Each structure stands twice: as structure tokens, then as C-alpha cells.
Amino acid sequence: MSTIARRFTIICLIFMIFALLMAAAVANGGRRNNSWHKGAIDPCLFQPDLNCAASR
């Protein structure tokens, strides 16, 4: 019985670490979002010859 309890504890700890890492990844609000501009994909990503410095 102690082997089952030990395995269950290890599995719970692994899931807890995974859950904390996923929560940290989801809560990361400081990432840059340069590819979206006013709800549409910025054309500067696909057409680098455009002068897009004025639109930002």
C-alpha cells in the first residue's frame, strides 16, 4: 500500500509542477504583440517594402 501512496504522491507533484508552469505561461501578459494592428494583420510583416513606421 505504501508503494501506491508513494507513486500517487509523485504523480501529484509532477502534475502540480506542470499546472504551475502552464499558469505562468498563460499569465504572461508582458509579451509584445507587434503583428496585430487595429484588429488586422499588419501588412508590414508580409510586404517589407512598405513604409510602416508611420502607422505604429
C-alpha atoms as a PDB file:
ATOM      1  CA  MET A   1       0.000   0.000   0.000  1.00  0.00           C
ATOM      2  CA  SER A   2       2.854   2.392   0.672  1.00  0.00           C
ATOM      3  CA  THR A   3       4.144   1.887  -2.883  1.00  0.00           C
ATOM      4  CA  ILE A   4       0.815   3.039  -4.312  1.00  0.00           C
ATOM      5  CA  ALA A   5       0.758   6.074  -1.999  1.00  0.00           C
ATOM      6  CA  ARG A   6       4.331   6.973  -2.974  1.00  0.00           C
ATOM      7  CA  ARG A   7       3.554   6.718  -6.688  1.00  0.00           C
ATOM      8  CA  PHE A   8       0.384   8.759  -6.252  1.00  0.00           C
ATOM      9  CA  THR A   9       2.354  11.459  -4.420  1.00  0.00           C
ATOM     10  CA  ILE A  10       4.976  11.608  -7.161  1.00  0.00           C
ATOM     11  CA  ILE A  11       2.309  11.852  -9.857  1.00  0.00           C
ATOM     12  CA  CYS A  12       0.517  14.611  -7.947  1.00  0.00           C
ATOM     13  CA  LEU A  13       3.743  16.578  -7.589  1.00  0.00           C
ATOM     14  CA  ILE A  14       4.509  16.237 -11.297  1.00  0.00           C
ATOM     15  CA  PHE A  15       1.011  17.452 -12.196  1.00  0.00           C
ATOM     16  CA  MET A  16       1.336  20.341  -9.757  1.00  0.00           C
ATOM     17  CA  ILE A  17       4.605  21.465 -11.362  1.00  0.00           C
ATOM     18  CA  PHE A  18       3.030  21.173 -14.803  1.00  0.00           C
ATOM     19  CA  ALA A  19      -0.002  23.197 -13.677  1.00  0.00           C
ATOM     20  CA  LEU A  20       2.188  25.940 -12.217  1.00  0.00           C
ATOM     21  CA  LEU A  21       4.229  26.169 -15.409  1.00  0.00           C
ATOM     22  CA  MET A  22       1.089  26.364 -17.536  1.00  0.00           C
ATOM     23  CA  ALA A  23      -0.405  29.034 -15.274  1.00  0.00           C
ATOM     24  CA  ALA A  24       2.778  31.081 -15.556  1.00  0.00           C
ATOM     25  CA  ALA A  25       2.749  30.736 -19.340  1.00  0.00           C
ATOM     26  CA  VAL A  26      -0.890  31.797 -19.602  1.00  0.00           C
ATOM     27  CA  ALA A  27      -0.498  34.712 -17.186  1.00  0.00           C
ATOM     28  CA  ASN A  28       2.419  36.156 -19.117  1.00  0.00           C
ATOM     29  CA  GLY A  29       0.871  39.467 -20.180  1.00  0.00           C
ATOM     30  CA  GLY A  30       4.112  41.285 -20.910  1.00  0.00           C
ATOM     31  CA  ARG A  31       4.710  39.753 -24.306  1.00  0.00           C
ATOM     32  CA  ARG A  32       4.850  42.012 -27.328  1.00  0.00           C
ATOM     33  CA  ASN A  33       2.079  41.901 -29.853  1.00  0.00           C
ATOM     34  CA  ASN A  34       3.547  43.662 -32.883  1.00  0.00           C
ATOM     35  CA  SER A  35       1.898  41.514 -35.533  1.00  0.00           C
ATOM     36  CA  TRP A  36      -1.599  42.874 -34.848  1.00  0.00           C
ATOM     37  CA  HIS A  37      -2.577  46.444 -35.555  1.00  0.00           C
ATOM     38  CA  LYS A  38      -6.181  47.606 -35.057  1.00  0.00           C
ATOM     39  CA  GLY A  39      -7.598  44.101 -35.313  1.00  0.00           C
ATOM     40  CA  ALA A  40      -5.970  43.128 -38.611  1.00  0.00           C
ATOM     41  CA  ILE A  41      -2.695  41.536 -39.538  1.00  0.00           C
ATOM     42  CA  ASP A  42      -0.094  44.193 -40.135  1.00  0.00           C
ATOM     43  CA  PRO A  43       0.804  44.233 -43.854  1.00  0.00           C
ATOM     44  CA  CYS A  44       4.395  45.120 -42.983  1.00  0.00           C
ATOM     45  CA  LEU A  45       5.017  41.521 -41.987  1.00  0.00           C
ATOM     46  CA  PHE A  46       4.281  40.256 -45.461  1.00  0.00           C
ATOM     47  CA  GLN A  47       5.367  43.244 -47.550  1.00  0.00           C
ATOM     48  CA  PRO A  48       8.576  44.605 -46.011  1.00  0.00           C
ATOM     49  CA  ASP A  49       8.964  47.226 -48.747  1.00  0.00           C
ATOM     50  CA  LEU A  50       6.064  49.269 -47.272  1.00  0.00           C
ATOM     51  CA  ASN A  51       6.842  52.205 -45.027  1.00  0.00           C
ATOM     52  CA  CYS A  52       5.106  51.055 -41.866  1.00  0.00           C
ATOM     53  CA  ALA A  53       6.984  53.148 -39.334  1.00  0.00           C
ATOM     54  CA  ALA A  54       4.350  55.905 -39.557  1.00  0.00           C
ATOM     55  CA  SER A  55       1.430  53.554 -38.862  1.00  0.00           C
ATOM     56  CA  ARG A  56       2.716  52.450 -35.458  1.00  0.00           C
END
